[in-house]
Amino acid sequence: MFETARKLRGLGVLGLNERNADFIMRLNPRRLYPRVDDKALTKKLALEAGMAVPDLYGIIAHQGEVRDFGRIVGDRNSFVIKPARGSGGDGILVVTGRSQRKRNCFRLSNGMLISDGEIQHHISNIVGGQYSLSGNRDKALIEYCVHFDPTFAEVSYQGVPDIRVVVYRGYPMMAMVRLPTRASDGKANLHQGAVGAGVDLGTGETLTGVHDNHVVEEHPDTGALVAGLEIPQWDFILESSARGYEVTGLGYLGVDMVIDRDRGPLILEMNARPGLNIQIANGAGLADRIARIDEIYDAEAGPLQRAAVARREFSAPG
């Protein structure tokens, strides 16, 4: 076991205990966690910083407000319902249309129909804390449903892919695209079975993929190659991720973005405890990149400068 640990450390792989003790505990003050753990607050802070986020239609914070669901969505055909303090994609309901034959029925992203009453019951569960990180009472956010960019059409099953950028001391240091699968029920969550594809920070082009901790070349459902995709507006995505440092105050941060076909890149959420599978997807370790950022760190550098440094320092070899 110790020999394996030494080998991984020699390859620059960052381990869980090291991540928690040396970086999350040291660089992410607990008092700042609400800025990322509460999606409603994250959205407010991002908007104040001039960052693009999905439109918020309404918030349901109390059981007595659940009946306001119909008024909030109005005649919209698509929207997303999510817990403000949820994690891992649990509790998220993606509505993509309305039934033309059944009154007060909506169609989910997986094609299933759900009634107005079932949606209200789900919202009630969210408010009751069923999906919150702590199990305490929560709020349900109802917001714009992102329509994914056609770039990802061949490497996504039903859901919307997202882009995770890990930021250290304000410098983007590694990124991946998370691609929904049948196993993940259309959610861009690696723990539920999505595919992660590494990204060349210099070019925004996808690299190798990881699925269930195994390196893969193809999407398990579509058979399309996951490498070689050019992510649109990559410079803007890196710059927005770097800006997450000023917005949250967190020194070790995961920034999740989506690319809407009409609105471009949008901040989806931020995370104070980003996972480590991103190293497998990129075939590279975070420890070496952390060490390099510590060497070149400039306290006066702004988000645009830090993003430019990341593009230069962490381009894929070749």
C-alpha atoms as a PDB file:
ATOM      1  CA  MET A   1       0.000   0.000   0.000  1.00  0.00           C
ATOM      2  CA  PHE A   2       2.775   2.447   0.948  1.00  0.00           C
ATOM      3  CA  GLU A   3       4.699   1.573  -2.211  1.00  0.00           C
ATOM      4  CA  THR A   4       1.622   2.385  -4.318  1.00  0.00           C
ATOM      5  CA  ALA A   5       1.174   5.677  -2.493  1.00  0.00           C
ATOM      6  CA  ARG A   6       4.814   6.605  -3.116  1.00  0.00           C
ATOM      7  CA  LYS A   7       4.506   5.718  -6.801  1.00  0.00           C
ATOM      8  CA  LEU A   8       1.409   7.876  -7.243  1.00  0.00           C
ATOM      9  CA  ARG A   9       3.036  10.760  -5.387  1.00  0.00           C
ATOM     10  CA  GLY A  10       6.041  10.435  -7.672  1.00  0.00           C
ATOM     11  CA  LEU A  11       3.706  10.860 -10.642  1.00  0.00           C
ATOM     12  CA  GLY A  12       2.334  14.070  -9.174  1.00  0.00           C
ATOM     13  CA  VAL A  13      -1.036  12.577  -8.196  1.00  0.00           C
ATOM     14  CA  LEU A  14      -2.814  14.425  -5.403  1.00  0.00           C
ATOM     15  CA  GLY A  15      -4.425  12.139  -2.824  1.00  0.00           C
ATOM     16  CA  LEU A  16      -7.634  12.647  -0.896  1.00  0.00           C
ATOM     17  CA  ASN A  17      -6.061  13.175   2.527  1.00  0.00           C
ATOM     18  CA  GLU A  18      -3.483  15.585   1.142  1.00  0.00           C
ATOM     19  CA  ARG A  19      -6.178  17.523  -0.702  1.00  0.00           C
ATOM     20  CA  ASN A  20      -8.287  17.830   2.435  1.00  0.00           C
ATOM     21  CA  ALA A  21      -5.535  18.685   4.926  1.00  0.00           C
ATOM     22  CA  ASP A  22      -3.117  20.761   2.856  1.00  0.00           C
ATOM     23  CA  PHE A  23      -5.464  22.654   0.594  1.00  0.00           C
ATOM     24  CA  ILE A  24      -9.168  22.568   1.467  1.00  0.00           C
ATOM     25  CA  MET A  25      -8.718  23.047   5.211  1.00  0.00           C
ATOM     26  CA  ARG A  26      -5.926  25.599   4.752  1.00  0.00           C
ATOM     27  CA  LEU A  27      -7.296  27.652   1.861  1.00  0.00           C
ATOM     28  CA  ASN A  28     -11.080  27.352   2.254  1.00  0.00           C
ATOM     29  CA  PRO A  29     -12.289  28.995   5.491  1.00  0.00           C
ATOM     30  CA  ARG A  30     -15.456  27.342   6.768  1.00  0.00           C
ATOM     31  CA  ARG A  31     -17.177  30.709   7.103  1.00  0.00           C
ATOM     32  CA  LEU A  32     -17.035  31.052   3.301  1.00  0.00           C
ATOM     33  CA  TYR A  33     -18.610  27.664   2.517  1.00  0.00           C
ATOM     34  CA  PRO A  34     -22.161  29.071   2.266  1.00  0.00           C
ATOM     35  CA  ARG A  35     -21.004  31.022  -0.797  1.00  0.00           C
ATOM     36  CA  VAL A  36     -20.759  27.749  -2.720  1.00  0.00           C
ATOM     37  CA  ASP A  37     -22.927  25.347  -0.709  1.00  0.00           C
ATOM     38  CA  ASP A  38     -26.018  27.529  -1.164  1.00  0.00           C
ATOM     39  CA  LYS A  39     -26.736  27.741  -4.904  1.00  0.00           C
ATOM     40  CA  ALA A  40     -29.040  30.717  -4.420  1.00  0.00           C
ATOM     41  CA  LEU A  41     -26.234  32.681  -2.754  1.00  0.00           C
ATOM     42  CA  THR A  42     -23.720  31.531  -5.382  1.00  0.00           C
ATOM     43  CA  LYS A  43     -26.002  32.830  -8.125  1.00  0.00           C
ATOM     44  CA  LYS A  44     -26.441  36.178  -6.333  1.00  0.00           C
ATOM     45  CA  LEU A  45     -22.687  36.644  -5.881  1.00  0.00           C
ATOM     46  CA  ALA A  46     -21.971  35.668  -9.475  1.00  0.00           C
ATOM     47  CA  LEU A  47     -24.536  38.137 -10.779  1.00  0.00           C
ATOM     48  CA  GLU A  48     -23.073  40.915  -8.623  1.00  0.00           C
ATOM     49  CA  ALA A  49     -19.676  40.138 -10.139  1.00  0.00           C
ATOM     50  CA  GLY A  50     -21.108  40.420 -13.647  1.00  0.00           C
ATOM     51  CA  MET A  51     -20.892  36.695 -14.395  1.00  0.00           C
ATOM     52  CA  ALA A  52     -23.428  34.932 -16.613  1.00  0.00           C
ATOM     53  CA  VAL A  53     -25.732  32.431 -14.865  1.00  0.00           C
ATOM     54  CA  PRO A  54     -28.994  30.654 -15.800  1.00  0.00           C
ATOM     55  CA  ASP A  55     -32.041  32.874 -15.190  1.00  0.00           C
ATOM     56  CA  LEU A  56     -33.732  32.334 -11.833  1.00  0.00           C
ATOM     57  CA  TYR A  57     -37.531  32.133 -12.158  1.00  0.00           C
ATOM     58  CA  GLY A  58     -38.291  31.760  -8.477  1.00  0.00           C
ATOM     59  CA  ILE A  59     -37.376  30.305  -5.071  1.00  0.00           C
ATOM     60  CA  ILE A  60     -39.648  28.208  -2.869  1.00  0.00           C
ATOM     61  CA  ALA A  61     -38.421  28.357   0.720  1.00  0.00           C
ATOM     62  CA  HIS A  62     -41.449  27.220   2.753  1.00  0.00           C
ATOM     63  CA  GLN A  63     -44.011  24.441   2.472  1.00  0.00           C
ATOM     64  CA  GLY A  64     -46.782  27.009   2.166  1.00  0.00           C
ATOM     65  CA  GLU A  65     -45.155  28.362  -0.998  1.00  0.00           C
ATOM     66  CA  VAL A  66     -45.134  25.023  -2.845  1.00  0.00           C
ATOM     67  CA  ARG A  67     -48.510  25.836  -4.383  1.00  0.00           C
ATOM     68  CA  ASP A  68     -46.868  28.862  -6.047  1.00  0.00           C
ATOM     69  CA  PHE A  69     -45.078  26.498  -8.437  1.00  0.00           C
ATOM     70  CA  GLY A  70     -47.634  27.017 -11.238  1.00  0.00           C
ATOM     71  CA  ARG A  71     -47.424  30.793 -10.977  1.00  0.00           C
ATOM     72  CA  ILE A  72     -43.617  30.733 -11.051  1.00  0.00           C
ATOM     73  CA  VAL A  73     -43.282  28.603 -14.185  1.00  0.00           C
ATOM     74  CA  GLY A  74     -46.258  30.218 -15.934  1.00  0.00           C
ATOM     75  CA  ASP A  75     -46.532  28.936 -19.479  1.00  0.00           C
ATOM     76  CA  ARG A  76     -42.853  27.977 -19.795  1.00  0.00           C
ATOM     77  CA  ASN A  77     -42.268  24.628 -21.435  1.00  0.00           C
ATOM     78  CA  SER A  78     -38.858  23.972 -19.913  1.00  0.00           C
ATOM     79  CA  PHE A  79     -37.221  24.683 -16.569  1.00  0.00           C
ATOM     80  CA  VAL A  80     -35.049  23.075 -13.905  1.00  0.00           C
ATOM     81  CA  ILE A  81     -35.908  22.496 -10.234  1.00  0.00           C
ATOM     82  CA  LYS A  82     -32.975  21.968  -7.874  1.00  0.00           C
ATOM     83  CA  PRO A  83     -32.227  22.035  -4.142  1.00  0.00           C
ATOM     84  CA  ALA A  84     -30.212  25.080  -3.097  1.00  0.00           C
ATOM     85  CA  ARG A  85     -28.002  22.987  -0.807  1.00  0.00           C
ATOM     86  CA  GLY A  86     -27.938  19.707  -2.732  1.00  0.00           C
ATOM     87  CA  SER A  87     -24.904  17.881  -4.085  1.00  0.00           C
ATOM     88  CA  GLY A  88     -24.022  15.315  -6.708  1.00  0.00           C
ATOM     89  CA  GLY A  89     -27.038  16.117  -8.842  1.00  0.00           C
ATOM     90  CA  ASP A  90     -29.472  14.592  -6.339  1.00  0.00           C
ATOM     91  CA  GLY A  91     -32.937  16.137  -6.309  1.00  0.00           C
ATOM     92  CA  ILE A  92     -32.554  17.923  -9.641  1.00  0.00           C
ATOM     93  CA  LEU A  93     -35.594  17.732 -11.907  1.00  0.00           C
ATOM     94  CA  VAL A  94     -35.145  18.750 -15.550  1.00  0.00           C
ATOM     95  CA  VAL A  95     -38.387  19.537 -17.383  1.00  0.00           C
ATOM     96  CA  THR A  96     -38.069  19.801 -21.162  1.00  0.00           C
ATOM     97  CA  GLY A  97     -41.680  20.117 -22.291  1.00  0.00           C
ATOM     98  CA  ARG A  98     -45.388  19.727 -21.630  1.00  0.00           C
ATOM     99  CA  SER A  99     -47.665  16.875 -22.603  1.00  0.00           C
ATOM    100  CA  GLN A 100     -49.979  17.791 -25.472  1.00  0.00           C
ATOM    101  CA  ARG A 101     -52.515  15.134 -24.499  1.00  0.00           C
ATOM    102  CA  LYS A 102     -52.477  15.121 -20.720  1.00  0.00           C
ATOM    103  CA  ARG A 103     -53.388  18.313 -18.948  1.00  0.00           C
ATOM    104  CA  ASN A 104     -51.016  19.587 -16.253  1.00  0.00           C
ATOM    105  CA  CYS A 105     -48.370  17.013 -17.168  1.00  0.00           C
ATOM    106  CA  PHE A 106     -44.744  17.769 -17.965  1.00  0.00           C
ATOM    107  CA  ARG A 107     -42.081  15.796 -19.811  1.00  0.00           C
ATOM    108  CA  LEU A 108     -38.729  15.158 -18.127  1.00  0.00           C
ATOM    109  CA  SER A 109     -35.365  15.013 -19.905  1.00  0.00           C
ATOM    110  CA  ASN A 110     -35.539  11.187 -19.905  1.00  0.00           C
ATOM    111  CA  GLY A 111     -38.879  11.265 -21.727  1.00  0.00           C
ATOM    112  CA  MET A 112     -41.063  10.333 -18.754  1.00  0.00           C
ATOM    113  CA  LEU A 113     -44.226  12.263 -17.954  1.00  0.00           C
ATOM    114  CA  ILE A 114     -44.771  13.777 -14.509  1.00  0.00           C
ATOM    115  CA  SER A 115     -47.881  15.479 -13.179  1.00  0.00           C
ATOM    116  CA  ASP A 116     -48.166  18.910 -11.620  1.00  0.00           C
ATOM    117  CA  GLY A 117     -48.963  17.242  -8.294  1.00  0.00           C
ATOM    118  CA  GLU A 118     -45.879  15.009  -8.474  1.00  0.00           C
ATOM    119  CA  ILE A 119     -43.677  18.034  -9.128  1.00  0.00           C
ATOM    120  CA  GLN A 120     -45.154  19.836  -6.130  1.00  0.00           C
ATOM    121  CA  HIS A 121     -44.534  16.748  -3.994  1.00  0.00           C
ATOM    122  CA  HIS A 122     -40.902  16.740  -5.170  1.00  0.00           C
ATOM    123  CA  ILE A 123     -40.539  20.435  -4.318  1.00  0.00           C
ATOM    124  CA  SER A 124     -42.004  19.736  -0.873  1.00  0.00           C
ATOM    125  CA  ASN A 125     -39.336  17.061  -0.340  1.00  0.00           C
ATOM    126  CA  ILE A 126     -36.617  19.513  -1.347  1.00  0.00           C
ATOM    127  CA  VAL A 127     -37.891  22.145   1.094  1.00  0.00           C
ATOM    128  CA  GLY A 128     -38.084  19.491   3.800  1.00  0.00           C
ATOM    129  CA  GLY A 129     -34.353  18.833   3.393  1.00  0.00           C
ATOM    130  CA  GLN A 130     -34.413  15.416   1.703  1.00  0.00           C
ATOM    131  CA  TYR A 131     -31.575  16.375  -0.656  1.00  0.00           C
ATOM    132  CA  SER A 132     -29.664  18.964   1.385  1.00  0.00           C
ATOM    133  CA  LEU A 133     -26.058  18.380   2.400  1.00  0.00           C
ATOM    134  CA  SER A 134     -26.907  18.590   6.100  1.00  0.00           C
ATOM    135  CA  GLY A 135     -30.421  17.153   6.028  1.00  0.00           C
ATOM    136  CA  ASN A 136     -31.792  20.469   7.264  1.00  0.00           C
ATOM    137  CA  ARG A 137     -34.566  22.489   5.647  1.00  0.00           C
ATOM    138  CA  ASP A 138     -33.730  23.747   2.187  1.00  0.00           C
ATOM    139  CA  LYS A 139     -34.991  25.916  -0.677  1.00  0.00           C
ATOM    140  CA  ALA A 140     -36.063  24.854  -4.163  1.00  0.00           C
ATOM    141  CA  LEU A 141     -34.689  26.908  -7.044  1.00  0.00           C
ATOM    142  CA  ILE A 142     -36.653  27.038 -10.305  1.00  0.00           C
ATOM    143  CA  GLU A 143     -34.508  28.291 -13.153  1.00  0.00           C
ATOM    144  CA  TYR A 144     -33.792  28.391 -16.866  1.00  0.00           C
ATOM    145  CA  CYS A 145     -33.231  25.008 -18.543  1.00  0.00           C
ATOM    146  CA  VAL A 146     -29.958  25.044 -20.439  1.00  0.00           C
ATOM    147  CA  HIS A 147     -29.989  23.811 -24.035  1.00  0.00           C
ATOM    148  CA  PHE A 148     -26.612  22.255 -24.687  1.00  0.00           C
ATOM    149  CA  ASP A 149     -24.327  23.384 -27.474  1.00  0.00           C
ATOM    150  CA  PRO A 150     -24.376  21.087 -30.565  1.00  0.00           C
ATOM    151  CA  THR A 151     -20.625  20.533 -30.067  1.00  0.00           C
ATOM    152  CA  PHE A 152     -21.565  17.834 -27.541  1.00  0.00           C
ATOM    153  CA  ALA A 153     -24.453  16.232 -29.436  1.00  0.00           C
ATOM    154  CA  GLU A 154     -22.594  12.994 -30.219  1.00  0.00           C
ATOM    155  CA  VAL A 155     -21.059  12.524 -26.774  1.00  0.00           C
ATOM    156  CA  SER A 156     -24.004  13.125 -24.478  1.00  0.00           C
ATOM    157  CA  TYR A 157     -26.984  10.985 -23.502  1.00  0.00           C
ATOM    158  CA  GLN A 158     -30.120  13.126 -22.926  1.00  0.00           C
ATOM    159  CA  GLY A 159     -28.665  15.514 -20.360  1.00  0.00           C
ATOM    160  CA  VAL A 160     -26.507  18.644 -20.552  1.00  0.00           C
ATOM    161  CA  PRO A 161     -22.697  18.241 -20.338  1.00  0.00           C
ATOM    162  CA  ASP A 162     -20.830  20.573 -18.026  1.00  0.00           C
ATOM    163  CA  ILE A 163     -17.246  21.731 -17.662  1.00  0.00           C
ATOM    164  CA  ARG A 164     -15.411  21.459 -14.335  1.00  0.00           C
ATOM    165  CA  VAL A 165     -12.376  23.694 -13.844  1.00  0.00           C
ATOM    166  CA  VAL A 166     -10.281  23.274 -10.693  1.00  0.00           C
ATOM    167  CA  VAL A 167      -8.823  26.599  -9.553  1.00  0.00           C
ATOM    168  CA  TYR A 168      -5.908  26.958  -7.128  1.00  0.00           C
ATOM    169  CA  ARG A 169      -5.166  30.367  -5.598  1.00  0.00           C
ATOM    170  CA  GLY A 170      -7.081  31.936  -8.460  1.00  0.00           C
ATOM    171  CA  TYR A 171      -5.246  30.048 -11.223  1.00  0.00           C
ATOM    172  CA  PRO A 172      -7.139  27.466 -13.320  1.00  0.00           C
ATOM    173  CA  MET A 173      -4.988  24.328 -13.153  1.00  0.00           C
ATOM    174  CA  MET A 174      -7.013  21.453 -14.612  1.00  0.00           C
ATOM    175  CA  ALA A 175     -10.327  20.930 -16.396  1.00  0.00           C
ATOM    176  CA  MET A 176     -12.631  18.258 -17.714  1.00  0.00           C
ATOM    177  CA  VAL A 177     -15.951  17.941 -19.511  1.00  0.00           C
ATOM    178  CA  ARG A 178     -18.507  15.700 -17.801  1.00  0.00           C
ATOM    179  CA  LEU A 179     -20.695  13.886 -20.310  1.00  0.00           C
ATOM    180  CA  PRO A 180     -24.074  12.416 -19.273  1.00  0.00           C
ATOM    181  CA  THR A 181     -24.753   8.730 -19.958  1.00  0.00           C
ATOM    182  CA  ARG A 182     -27.642   6.325 -19.721  1.00  0.00           C
ATOM    183  CA  ALA A 183     -26.174   5.033 -16.449  1.00  0.00           C
ATOM    184  CA  SER A 184     -26.054   8.548 -14.974  1.00  0.00           C
ATOM    185  CA  ASP A 185     -29.700   9.137 -16.006  1.00  0.00           C
ATOM    186  CA  GLY A 186     -28.642  12.078 -18.121  1.00  0.00           C
ATOM    187  CA  LYS A 187     -26.782  13.814 -15.282  1.00  0.00           C
ATOM    188  CA  ALA A 188     -23.241  15.143 -15.628  1.00  0.00           C
ATOM    189  CA  ASN A 189     -22.019  13.452 -12.458  1.00  0.00           C
ATOM    190  CA  LEU A 190     -19.078  11.027 -12.483  1.00  0.00           C
ATOM    191  CA  HIS A 191     -20.191   9.231  -9.319  1.00  0.00           C
ATOM    192  CA  GLN A 192     -23.495   8.393 -11.009  1.00  0.00           C
ATOM    193  CA  GLY A 193     -21.860   7.071 -14.183  1.00  0.00           C
ATOM    194  CA  ALA A 194     -21.093  10.067 -16.402  1.00  0.00           C
ATOM    195  CA  VAL A 195     -17.936  10.166 -18.529  1.00  0.00           C
ATOM    196  CA  GLY A 196     -15.221  12.691 -17.742  1.00  0.00           C
ATOM    197  CA  ALA A 197     -12.976  13.906 -20.563  1.00  0.00           C
ATOM    198  CA  GLY A 198      -9.796  15.820 -19.784  1.00  0.00           C
ATOM    199  CA  VAL A 199      -9.228  19.192 -21.425  1.00  0.00           C
ATOM    200  CA  ASP A 200      -6.042  20.790 -22.751  1.00  0.00           C
ATOM    201  CA  LEU A 201      -5.975  24.119 -20.897  1.00  0.00           C
ATOM    202  CA  GLY A 202      -4.030  25.704 -23.728  1.00  0.00           C
ATOM    203  CA  THR A 203      -6.463  24.918 -26.534  1.00  0.00           C
ATOM    204  CA  GLY A 204      -9.746  23.834 -24.933  1.00  0.00           C
ATOM    205  CA  GLU A 205      -9.615  20.499 -26.782  1.00  0.00           C
ATOM    206  CA  THR A 206     -10.773  17.324 -25.041  1.00  0.00           C
ATOM    207  CA  LEU A 207      -8.249  14.584 -24.247  1.00  0.00           C
ATOM    208  CA  THR A 208      -8.744  11.102 -22.814  1.00  0.00           C
ATOM    209  CA  GLY A 209     -11.897   9.995 -21.014  1.00  0.00           C
ATOM    210  CA  VAL A 210     -12.625   8.268 -17.724  1.00  0.00           C
ATOM    211  CA  HIS A 211     -15.689   6.172 -16.940  1.00  0.00           C
ATOM    212  CA  ASP A 212     -16.084   4.375 -13.608  1.00  0.00           C
ATOM    213  CA  ASN A 213     -12.394   5.081 -12.907  1.00  0.00           C
ATOM    214  CA  HIS A 214     -11.294   3.421 -16.171  1.00  0.00           C
ATOM    215  CA  VAL A 215      -9.731   5.232 -19.109  1.00  0.00           C
ATOM    216  CA  VAL A 216     -12.026   5.131 -22.159  1.00  0.00           C
ATOM    217  CA  GLU A 217     -11.871   6.448 -25.712  1.00  0.00           C
ATOM    218  CA  GLU A 218     -15.567   6.280 -26.610  1.00  0.00           C
ATOM    219  CA  HIS A 219     -18.850   7.351 -25.045  1.00  0.00           C
ATOM    220  CA  PRO A 220     -20.484   4.134 -23.717  1.00  0.00           C
ATOM    221  CA  ASP A 221     -23.905   4.924 -25.233  1.00  0.00           C
ATOM    222  CA  THR A 222     -23.176   6.737 -28.501  1.00  0.00           C
ATOM    223  CA  GLY A 223     -19.832   5.171 -29.401  1.00  0.00           C
ATOM    224  CA  ALA A 224     -18.473   8.595 -30.370  1.00  0.00           C
ATOM    225  CA  LEU A 225     -14.863   9.487 -29.547  1.00  0.00           C
ATOM    226  CA  VAL A 226     -14.591  11.735 -26.497  1.00  0.00           C
ATOM    227  CA  ALA A 227     -11.196  13.176 -27.473  1.00  0.00           C
ATOM    228  CA  GLY A 228     -10.640  15.900 -30.038  1.00  0.00           C
ATOM    229  CA  LEU A 229     -13.675  18.094 -29.332  1.00  0.00           C
ATOM    230  CA  GLU A 230     -12.970  21.821 -29.379  1.00  0.00           C
ATOM    231  CA  ILE A 231     -14.872  23.533 -26.565  1.00  0.00           C
ATOM    232  CA  PRO A 232     -16.409  26.839 -27.719  1.00  0.00           C
ATOM    233  CA  GLN A 233     -15.363  30.113 -26.054  1.00  0.00           C
ATOM    234  CA  TRP A 234     -12.608  28.405 -24.094  1.00  0.00           C
ATOM    235  CA  ASP A 235     -10.799  31.634 -23.191  1.00  0.00           C
ATOM    236  CA  PHE A 236     -13.983  33.048 -21.666  1.00  0.00           C
ATOM    237  CA  ILE A 237     -14.552  29.833 -19.689  1.00  0.00           C
ATOM    238  CA  LEU A 238     -11.051  29.929 -18.200  1.00  0.00           C
ATOM    239  CA  GLU A 239     -11.338  33.618 -17.355  1.00  0.00           C
ATOM    240  CA  SER A 240     -14.725  33.104 -15.684  1.00  0.00           C
ATOM    241  CA  SER A 241     -13.309  30.203 -13.668  1.00  0.00           C
ATOM    242  CA  ALA A 242     -10.388  32.346 -12.514  1.00  0.00           C
ATOM    243  CA  ARG A 243     -12.861  35.032 -11.465  1.00  0.00           C
ATOM    244  CA  GLY A 244     -14.499  32.485  -9.140  1.00  0.00           C
ATOM    245  CA  TYR A 245     -11.605  33.102  -6.743  1.00  0.00           C
ATOM    246  CA  GLU A 246     -12.646  36.724  -6.176  1.00  0.00           C
ATOM    247  CA  VAL A 247     -16.327  35.782  -5.985  1.00  0.00           C
ATOM    248  CA  THR A 248     -15.944  33.073  -3.332  1.00  0.00           C
ATOM    249  CA  GLY A 249     -12.673  33.825  -1.563  1.00  0.00           C
ATOM    250  CA  LEU A 250     -11.814  30.113  -1.739  1.00  0.00           C
ATOM    251  CA  GLY A 251      -8.249  29.136  -2.610  1.00  0.00           C
ATOM    252  CA  TYR A 252      -9.091  25.604  -3.743  1.00  0.00           C
ATOM    253  CA  LEU A 253     -12.200  25.641  -5.874  1.00  0.00           C
ATOM    254  CA  GLY A 254     -14.169  23.766  -8.513  1.00  0.00           C
ATOM    255  CA  VAL A 255     -16.093  25.936 -10.991  1.00  0.00           C
ATOM    256  CA  ASP A 256     -18.818  24.229 -13.040  1.00  0.00           C
ATOM    257  CA  MET A 257     -20.020  25.797 -16.273  1.00  0.00           C
ATOM    258  CA  VAL A 258     -22.358  24.828 -19.098  1.00  0.00           C
ATOM    259  CA  ILE A 259     -22.490  26.110 -22.663  1.00  0.00           C
ATOM    260  CA  ASP A 260     -25.955  27.114 -23.762  1.00  0.00           C
ATOM    261  CA  ARG A 261     -26.548  27.020 -27.512  1.00  0.00           C
ATOM    262  CA  ASP A 262     -28.081  30.511 -27.416  1.00  0.00           C
ATOM    263  CA  ARG A 263     -26.486  32.227 -24.395  1.00  0.00           C
ATOM    264  CA  GLY A 264     -22.991  30.779 -24.417  1.00  0.00           C
ATOM    265  CA  PRO A 265     -21.085  29.788 -21.230  1.00  0.00           C
ATOM    266  CA  LEU A 266     -23.010  30.053 -17.954  1.00  0.00           C
ATOM    267  CA  ILE A 267     -21.821  29.497 -14.378  1.00  0.00           C
ATOM    268  CA  LEU A 268     -23.799  26.573 -12.984  1.00  0.00           C
ATOM    269  CA  GLU A 269     -22.305  26.259  -9.511  1.00  0.00           C
ATOM    270  CA  MET A 270     -19.045  26.235  -7.550  1.00  0.00           C
ATOM    271  CA  ASN A 271     -17.614  23.645  -5.215  1.00  0.00           C
ATOM    272  CA  ALA A 272     -15.301  23.899  -2.210  1.00  0.00           C
ATOM    273  CA  ARG A 273     -14.430  20.184  -2.379  1.00  0.00           C
ATOM    274  CA  PRO A 274     -13.844  19.287  -6.060  1.00  0.00           C
ATOM    275  CA  GLY A 275     -13.096  15.604  -6.667  1.00  0.00           C
ATOM    276  CA  LEU A 276      -9.846  14.037  -7.818  1.00  0.00           C
ATOM    277  CA  ASN A 277     -10.963  11.880 -10.775  1.00  0.00           C
ATOM    278  CA  ILE A 278     -10.108  14.827 -12.970  1.00  0.00           C
ATOM    279  CA  GLN A 279      -6.497  13.589 -12.726  1.00  0.00           C
ATOM    280  CA  ILE A 280      -7.394  10.293 -14.413  1.00  0.00           C
ATOM    281  CA  ALA A 281      -9.264  12.076 -17.183  1.00  0.00           C
ATOM    282  CA  ASN A 282      -6.245  14.284 -17.879  1.00  0.00           C
ATOM    283  CA  GLY A 283      -3.570  11.655 -17.367  1.00  0.00           C
ATOM    284  CA  ALA A 284      -1.798  14.145 -15.109  1.00  0.00           C
ATOM    285  CA  GLY A 285      -1.487  14.920 -11.418  1.00  0.00           C
ATOM    286  CA  LEU A 286      -2.691  18.022  -9.598  1.00  0.00           C
ATOM    287  CA  ALA A 287       0.282  18.084  -7.210  1.00  0.00           C
ATOM    288  CA  ASP A 288       2.769  19.128  -9.890  1.00  0.00           C
ATOM    289  CA  ARG A 289       0.485  21.914 -11.102  1.00  0.00           C
ATOM    290  CA  ILE A 290      -0.049  23.152  -7.561  1.00  0.00           C
ATOM    291  CA  ALA A 291       3.720  23.292  -7.083  1.00  0.00           C
ATOM    292  CA  ARG A 292       4.146  25.248 -10.311  1.00  0.00           C
ATOM    293  CA  ILE A 293       1.469  27.788  -9.351  1.00  0.00           C
ATOM    294  CA  ASP A 294       3.161  28.286  -5.984  1.00  0.00           C
ATOM    295  CA  GLU A 295       6.376  29.095  -7.874  1.00  0.00           C
ATOM    296  CA  ILE A 296       4.854  31.675 -10.224  1.00  0.00           C
ATOM    297  CA  TYR A 297       2.068  33.040  -8.005  1.00  0.00           C
ATOM    298  CA  ASP A 298       1.485  36.770  -8.392  1.00  0.00           C
ATOM    299  CA  ALA A 299      -0.804  38.350  -5.796  1.00  0.00           C
ATOM    300  CA  GLU A 300      -1.376  41.349  -8.095  1.00  0.00           C
ATOM    301  CA  ALA A 301      -2.512  39.309 -11.106  1.00  0.00           C
ATOM    302  CA  GLY A 302      -6.176  39.613 -12.098  1.00  0.00           C
ATOM    303  CA  PRO A 303      -8.439  36.884 -13.533  1.00  0.00           C
ATOM    304  CA  LEU A 304      -7.472  37.570 -17.164  1.00  0.00           C
ATOM    305  CA  GLN A 305      -3.767  37.370 -16.361  1.00  0.00           C
ATOM    306  CA  ARG A 306      -4.162  34.197 -14.314  1.00  0.00           C
ATOM    307  CA  ALA A 307      -6.158  32.523 -17.093  1.00  0.00           C
ATOM    308  CA  ALA A 308      -3.454  33.452 -19.611  1.00  0.00           C
ATOM    309  CA  VAL A 309      -0.801  31.938 -17.347  1.00  0.00           C
ATOM    310  CA  ALA A 310      -2.832  28.731 -17.045  1.00  0.00           C
ATOM    311  CA  ARG A 311      -3.122  28.447 -20.839  1.00  0.00           C
ATOM    312  CA  ARG A 312       0.635  28.854 -21.185  1.00  0.00           C
ATOM    313  CA  GLU A 313       1.765  26.674 -18.277  1.00  0.00           C
ATOM    314  CA  PHE A 314      -0.656  23.783 -18.555  1.00  0.00           C
ATOM    315  CA  SER A 315      -0.984  23.150 -22.283  1.00  0.00           C
ATOM    316  CA  ALA A 316      -0.910  19.460 -23.171  1.00  0.00           C
ATOM    317  CA  PRO A 317       2.450  18.301 -24.550  1.00  0.00           C
ATOM    318  CA  GLY A 318       2.655  17.886 -28.271  1.00  0.00           C
END
